[in-house]
Amino acid sequence: MDRTTVPLVTALVTALLLPATLAACGGPSAASPASAPGADPRDLSAAEGRLQGSWRLVDFRPEVAPEPMFQALLASQVGALVVKFDHGQLYADSPTFHTTRAYRVVTAAGPLFTVESPDAGGAVFTSSCTISEDGVHITFRGDSDPWRGTGSLARVP
């Protein structure tokens, strides 16, 4: 993978909760506190517990279609990229990409939660997520430019 594609894939991972997922490029937002004001620590802890473990990228649909080269890169990550969440650190691995980043759950209410992942440059990437009742699927919306879009993750058995 060349230097021009590494920022794209890093952003992709962050957008996935990154992901969620799916952060070296994109528009920065202000750094945020460890959790949103008024967030119930029990809800945050429960969401963090449900998030733990490994998740495979099943789908990602950007709001704005990427250039053909980047679309091909994205397509190669679907089904191959696995993101492991481990108490504030995420590890993203695929045959062509490996990275480690910090993340934090900043809001939570029942199956809904929001994850933020700051990059080394100070940008914060946000994803709004819903975990299924059985705890094996997450749907997410990447809320930060340039990775606005929707997708899903499936727990790796």
C-alpha atoms as a PDB file:
ATOM      1  CA  MET A   1       0.000   0.000   0.000  1.00  0.00           C
ATOM      2  CA  ASP A   2       1.484   3.354  -0.974  1.00  0.00           C
ATOM      3  CA  ARG A   3       1.597   6.535   1.116  1.00  0.00           C
ATOM      4  CA  THR A   4      -1.429   8.073  -0.572  1.00  0.00           C
ATOM      5  CA  THR A   5      -3.758   5.236   0.416  1.00  0.00           C
ATOM      6  CA  VAL A   6      -2.698   4.902   4.058  1.00  0.00           C
ATOM      7  CA  PRO A   7      -4.571   8.067   5.202  1.00  0.00           C
ATOM      8  CA  LEU A   8      -7.681   6.900   3.354  1.00  0.00           C
ATOM      9  CA  VAL A   9      -7.720   3.481   4.997  1.00  0.00           C
ATOM     10  CA  THR A  10      -7.002   5.014   8.408  1.00  0.00           C
ATOM     11  CA  ALA A  11      -9.982   7.339   7.924  1.00  0.00           C
ATOM     12  CA  LEU A  12     -12.094   4.383   6.847  1.00  0.00           C
ATOM     13  CA  VAL A  13     -11.301   2.479  10.044  1.00  0.00           C
ATOM     14  CA  THR A  14     -12.112   5.504  12.175  1.00  0.00           C
ATOM     15  CA  ALA A  15     -15.438   6.049  10.471  1.00  0.00           C
ATOM     16  CA  LEU A  16     -16.305   2.467  11.371  1.00  0.00           C
ATOM     17  CA  LEU A  17     -16.206   3.257  15.095  1.00  0.00           C
ATOM     18  CA  LEU A  18     -13.907   3.607  14.257  1.00  0.00           C
ATOM     19  CA  PRO A  19     -15.919   1.850  13.938  1.00  0.00           C
ATOM     20  CA  ALA A  20     -15.547   2.786  14.368  1.00  0.00           C
ATOM     21  CA  THR A  21     -13.663   2.366  12.079  1.00  0.00           C
ATOM     22  CA  LEU A  22     -12.587   3.403   9.286  1.00  0.00           C
ATOM     23  CA  ALA A  23      -8.246   9.034  10.446  1.00  0.00           C
ATOM     24  CA  ALA A  24      -5.249  10.641   9.184  1.00  0.00           C
ATOM     25  CA  CYS A  25      -7.267  12.692   6.699  1.00  0.00           C
ATOM     26  CA  GLY A  26     -10.469  14.616   7.132  1.00  0.00           C
ATOM     27  CA  GLY A  27     -11.848  17.612   8.919  1.00  0.00           C
ATOM     28  CA  PRO A  28     -10.903  18.028  12.550  1.00  0.00           C
ATOM     29  CA  SER A  29     -13.388  18.919  15.230  1.00  0.00           C
ATOM     30  CA  ALA A  30     -12.703  20.196  18.696  1.00  0.00           C
ATOM     31  CA  ALA A  31     -11.328  17.684  21.155  1.00  0.00           C
ATOM     32  CA  SER A  32     -14.023  16.405  23.468  1.00  0.00           C
ATOM     33  CA  PRO A  33     -14.121  15.378  27.107  1.00  0.00           C
ATOM     34  CA  ALA A  34     -13.912  11.723  28.125  1.00  0.00           C
ATOM     35  CA  SER A  35     -17.708  11.537  27.970  1.00  0.00           C
ATOM     36  CA  ALA A  36     -20.556  13.858  27.146  1.00  0.00           C
ATOM     37  CA  PRO A  37     -21.863  16.019  29.996  1.00  0.00           C
ATOM     38  CA  GLY A  38     -24.645  14.198  31.813  1.00  0.00           C
ATOM     39  CA  ALA A  39     -23.716  10.784  30.373  1.00  0.00           C
ATOM     40  CA  ASP A  40     -24.663   8.030  32.806  1.00  0.00           C
ATOM     41  CA  PRO A  41     -21.478   6.134  33.723  1.00  0.00           C
ATOM     42  CA  ARG A  42     -23.467   2.869  33.967  1.00  0.00           C
ATOM     43  CA  ASP A  43     -24.771   3.280  30.399  1.00  0.00           C
ATOM     44  CA  LEU A  44     -21.270   4.125  29.134  1.00  0.00           C
ATOM     45  CA  SER A  45     -19.827   1.081  30.902  1.00  0.00           C
ATOM     46  CA  ALA A  46     -22.554  -1.210  29.521  1.00  0.00           C
ATOM     47  CA  ALA A  47     -21.988   0.056  25.953  1.00  0.00           C
ATOM     48  CA  GLU A  48     -18.230  -0.330  26.337  1.00  0.00           C
ATOM     49  CA  GLY A  49     -18.725  -3.916  27.540  1.00  0.00           C
ATOM     50  CA  ARG A  50     -20.952  -4.815  24.581  1.00  0.00           C
ATOM     51  CA  LEU A  51     -18.427  -3.302  22.162  1.00  0.00           C
ATOM     52  CA  GLN A  52     -15.484  -5.390  23.409  1.00  0.00           C
ATOM     53  CA  GLY A  53     -14.116  -8.013  21.044  1.00  0.00           C
ATOM     54  CA  SER A  54     -13.585  -8.425  17.329  1.00  0.00           C
ATOM     55  CA  TRP A  55     -15.925  -7.176  14.607  1.00  0.00           C
ATOM     56  CA  ARG A  56     -15.776  -7.693  10.822  1.00  0.00           C
ATOM     57  CA  LEU A  57     -16.723  -4.923   8.396  1.00  0.00           C
ATOM     58  CA  VAL A  58     -19.800  -6.164   6.530  1.00  0.00           C
ATOM     59  CA  ASP A  59     -20.815  -3.030   4.667  1.00  0.00           C
ATOM     60  CA  PHE A  60     -19.996   0.642   4.252  1.00  0.00           C
ATOM     61  CA  ARG A  61     -21.878   3.092   2.014  1.00  0.00           C
ATOM     62  CA  PRO A  62     -20.347   6.579   1.902  1.00  0.00           C
ATOM     63  CA  GLU A  63     -22.725   9.529   1.480  1.00  0.00           C
ATOM     64  CA  VAL A  64     -20.534  10.792  -1.353  1.00  0.00           C
ATOM     65  CA  ALA A  65     -19.173   8.239  -3.806  1.00  0.00           C
ATOM     66  CA  PRO A  66     -15.365   8.120  -3.620  1.00  0.00           C
ATOM     67  CA  GLU A  67     -13.069   8.254  -6.631  1.00  0.00           C
ATOM     68  CA  PRO A  68     -12.783   4.880  -8.422  1.00  0.00           C
ATOM     69  CA  MET A  69      -9.371   4.066  -6.876  1.00  0.00           C
ATOM     70  CA  PHE A  70     -10.660   4.729  -3.368  1.00  0.00           C
ATOM     71  CA  GLN A  71     -13.891   2.840  -4.094  1.00  0.00           C
ATOM     72  CA  ALA A  72     -11.789  -0.204  -5.035  1.00  0.00           C
ATOM     73  CA  LEU A  73      -9.777   0.169  -1.816  1.00  0.00           C
ATOM     74  CA  LEU A  74     -12.979   0.387   0.213  1.00  0.00           C
ATOM     75  CA  ALA A  75     -14.407  -2.678  -1.547  1.00  0.00           C
ATOM     76  CA  SER A  76     -11.269  -4.644  -0.670  1.00  0.00           C
ATOM     77  CA  GLN A  77     -11.788  -3.902   3.032  1.00  0.00           C
ATOM     78  CA  VAL A  78     -15.429  -5.058   3.173  1.00  0.00           C
ATOM     79  CA  GLY A  79     -15.442  -8.612   4.517  1.00  0.00           C
ATOM     80  CA  ALA A  80     -11.701  -8.507   5.219  1.00  0.00           C
ATOM     81  CA  LEU A  81     -11.216  -5.742   7.796  1.00  0.00           C
ATOM     82  CA  VAL A  82     -11.503  -6.847  11.431  1.00  0.00           C
ATOM     83  CA  VAL A  83     -11.632  -4.244  14.186  1.00  0.00           C
ATOM     84  CA  LYS A  84     -10.916  -5.369  17.748  1.00  0.00           C
ATOM     85  CA  PHE A  85     -12.084  -3.115  20.595  1.00  0.00           C
ATOM     86  CA  ASP A  86     -10.114  -3.569  23.795  1.00  0.00           C
ATOM     87  CA  HIS A  87     -10.837  -1.112  26.634  1.00  0.00           C
ATOM     88  CA  GLY A  88     -10.047   2.160  24.861  1.00  0.00           C
ATOM     89  CA  GLN A  89      -7.788   0.795  22.108  1.00  0.00           C
ATOM     90  CA  LEU A  90      -8.922  -0.418  18.713  1.00  0.00           C
ATOM     91  CA  TYR A  91      -6.846  -2.661  16.516  1.00  0.00           C
ATOM     92  CA  ALA A  92      -7.789  -2.735  12.833  1.00  0.00           C
ATOM     93  CA  ASP A  93      -6.402  -5.513  10.658  1.00  0.00           C
ATOM     94  CA  SER A  94      -6.912  -6.685   7.105  1.00  0.00           C
ATOM     95  CA  PRO A  95      -4.596  -8.323   4.591  1.00  0.00           C
ATOM     96  CA  THR A  96      -3.415  -4.840   3.521  1.00  0.00           C
ATOM     97  CA  PHE A  97      -3.831  -2.675   6.612  1.00  0.00           C
ATOM     98  CA  HIS A  98      -2.885  -2.702  10.299  1.00  0.00           C
ATOM     99  CA  THR A  99      -3.304   0.114  12.818  1.00  0.00           C
ATOM    100  CA  THR A 100      -3.933   0.830  16.492  1.00  0.00           C
ATOM    101  CA  ARG A 101      -5.924   3.841  17.709  1.00  0.00           C
ATOM    102  CA  ALA A 102      -7.549   5.141  20.839  1.00  0.00           C
ATOM    103  CA  TYR A 103     -11.340   5.352  21.078  1.00  0.00           C
ATOM    104  CA  ARG A 104     -13.932   6.218  23.702  1.00  0.00           C
ATOM    105  CA  VAL A 105     -17.657   5.742  24.118  1.00  0.00           C
ATOM    106  CA  VAL A 106     -19.016   9.242  24.807  1.00  0.00           C
ATOM    107  CA  THR A 107     -22.785   8.702  24.898  1.00  0.00           C
ATOM    108  CA  ALA A 108     -24.924   5.629  25.492  1.00  0.00           C
ATOM    109  CA  ALA A 109     -28.592   4.825  26.001  1.00  0.00           C
ATOM    110  CA  GLY A 110     -29.783   1.244  25.626  1.00  0.00           C
ATOM    111  CA  PRO A 111     -28.581  -0.118  22.272  1.00  0.00           C
ATOM    112  CA  LEU A 112     -27.509   3.352  21.024  1.00  0.00           C
ATOM    113  CA  PHE A 113     -24.024   4.731  21.596  1.00  0.00           C
ATOM    114  CA  THR A 114     -21.534   7.190  20.129  1.00  0.00           C
ATOM    115  CA  VAL A 115     -17.836   6.462  19.688  1.00  0.00           C
ATOM    116  CA  GLU A 116     -15.084   9.025  19.167  1.00  0.00           C
ATOM    117  CA  SER A 117     -11.563   8.319  17.964  1.00  0.00           C
ATOM    118  CA  PRO A 118      -8.997  11.129  18.002  1.00  0.00           C
ATOM    119  CA  ASP A 119      -6.040  11.097  15.630  1.00  0.00           C
ATOM    120  CA  ALA A 120      -2.504  12.249  16.373  1.00  0.00           C
ATOM    121  CA  GLY A 121      -3.213  15.606  14.711  1.00  0.00           C
ATOM    122  CA  GLY A 122      -6.097  16.435  17.048  1.00  0.00           C
ATOM    123  CA  ALA A 123      -8.995  15.640  14.722  1.00  0.00           C
ATOM    124  CA  VAL A 124     -11.811  13.678  16.346  1.00  0.00           C
ATOM    125  CA  PHE A 125     -13.858  11.256  14.247  1.00  0.00           C
ATOM    126  CA  THR A 126     -17.318  10.304  15.476  1.00  0.00           C
ATOM    127  CA  SER A 127     -19.648   7.394  14.743  1.00  0.00           C
ATOM    128  CA  SER A 128     -23.227   6.936  15.960  1.00  0.00           C
ATOM    129  CA  CYS A 129     -23.944   3.253  16.530  1.00  0.00           C
ATOM    130  CA  THR A 130     -26.714   0.797  17.346  1.00  0.00           C
ATOM    131  CA  ILE A 131     -25.971  -2.700  18.596  1.00  0.00           C
ATOM    132  CA  SER A 132     -28.485  -5.452  17.881  1.00  0.00           C
ATOM    133  CA  GLU A 133     -30.459  -7.008  20.721  1.00  0.00           C
ATOM    134  CA  ASP A 134     -28.469 -10.255  20.394  1.00  0.00           C
ATOM    135  CA  GLY A 135     -25.174  -8.305  20.458  1.00  0.00           C
ATOM    136  CA  VAL A 136     -23.813  -9.688  17.184  1.00  0.00           C
ATOM    137  CA  HIS A 137     -24.405  -6.772  14.774  1.00  0.00           C
ATOM    138  CA  ILE A 138     -23.627  -3.074  14.894  1.00  0.00           C
ATOM    139  CA  THR A 139     -25.014  -0.555  12.447  1.00  0.00           C
ATOM    140  CA  PHE A 140     -23.202   2.755  12.378  1.00  0.00           C
ATOM    141  CA  ARG A 141     -23.206   6.163  10.798  1.00  0.00           C
ATOM    142  CA  GLY A 142     -19.883   7.914  10.263  1.00  0.00           C
ATOM    143  CA  ASP A 143     -20.614  11.491  11.338  1.00  0.00           C
ATOM    144  CA  SER A 144     -17.281  13.134  10.448  1.00  0.00           C
ATOM    145  CA  ASP A 145     -16.080  14.406   7.087  1.00  0.00           C
ATOM    146  CA  PRO A 146     -14.889  13.017   4.805  1.00  0.00           C
ATOM    147  CA  TRP A 147     -16.259   9.679   6.037  1.00  0.00           C
ATOM    148  CA  ARG A 148     -19.930  10.375   6.331  1.00  0.00           C
ATOM    149  CA  GLY A 149     -21.860   7.249   5.512  1.00  0.00           C
ATOM    150  CA  THR A 150     -23.504   4.147   6.926  1.00  0.00           C
ATOM    151  CA  GLY A 151     -22.370   0.608   7.429  1.00  0.00           C
ATOM    152  CA  SER A 152     -22.414  -2.450   9.585  1.00  0.00           C
ATOM    153  CA  LEU A 153     -20.144  -4.738  11.554  1.00  0.00           C
ATOM    154  CA  ALA A 154     -20.670  -8.352  12.603  1.00  0.00           C
ATOM    155  CA  ARG A 155     -19.127  -9.906  15.696  1.00  0.00           C
ATOM    156  CA  VAL A 156     -16.368 -12.370  14.866  1.00  0.00           C
ATOM    157  CA  PRO A 157     -17.145 -15.670  16.632  1.00  0.00           C
END
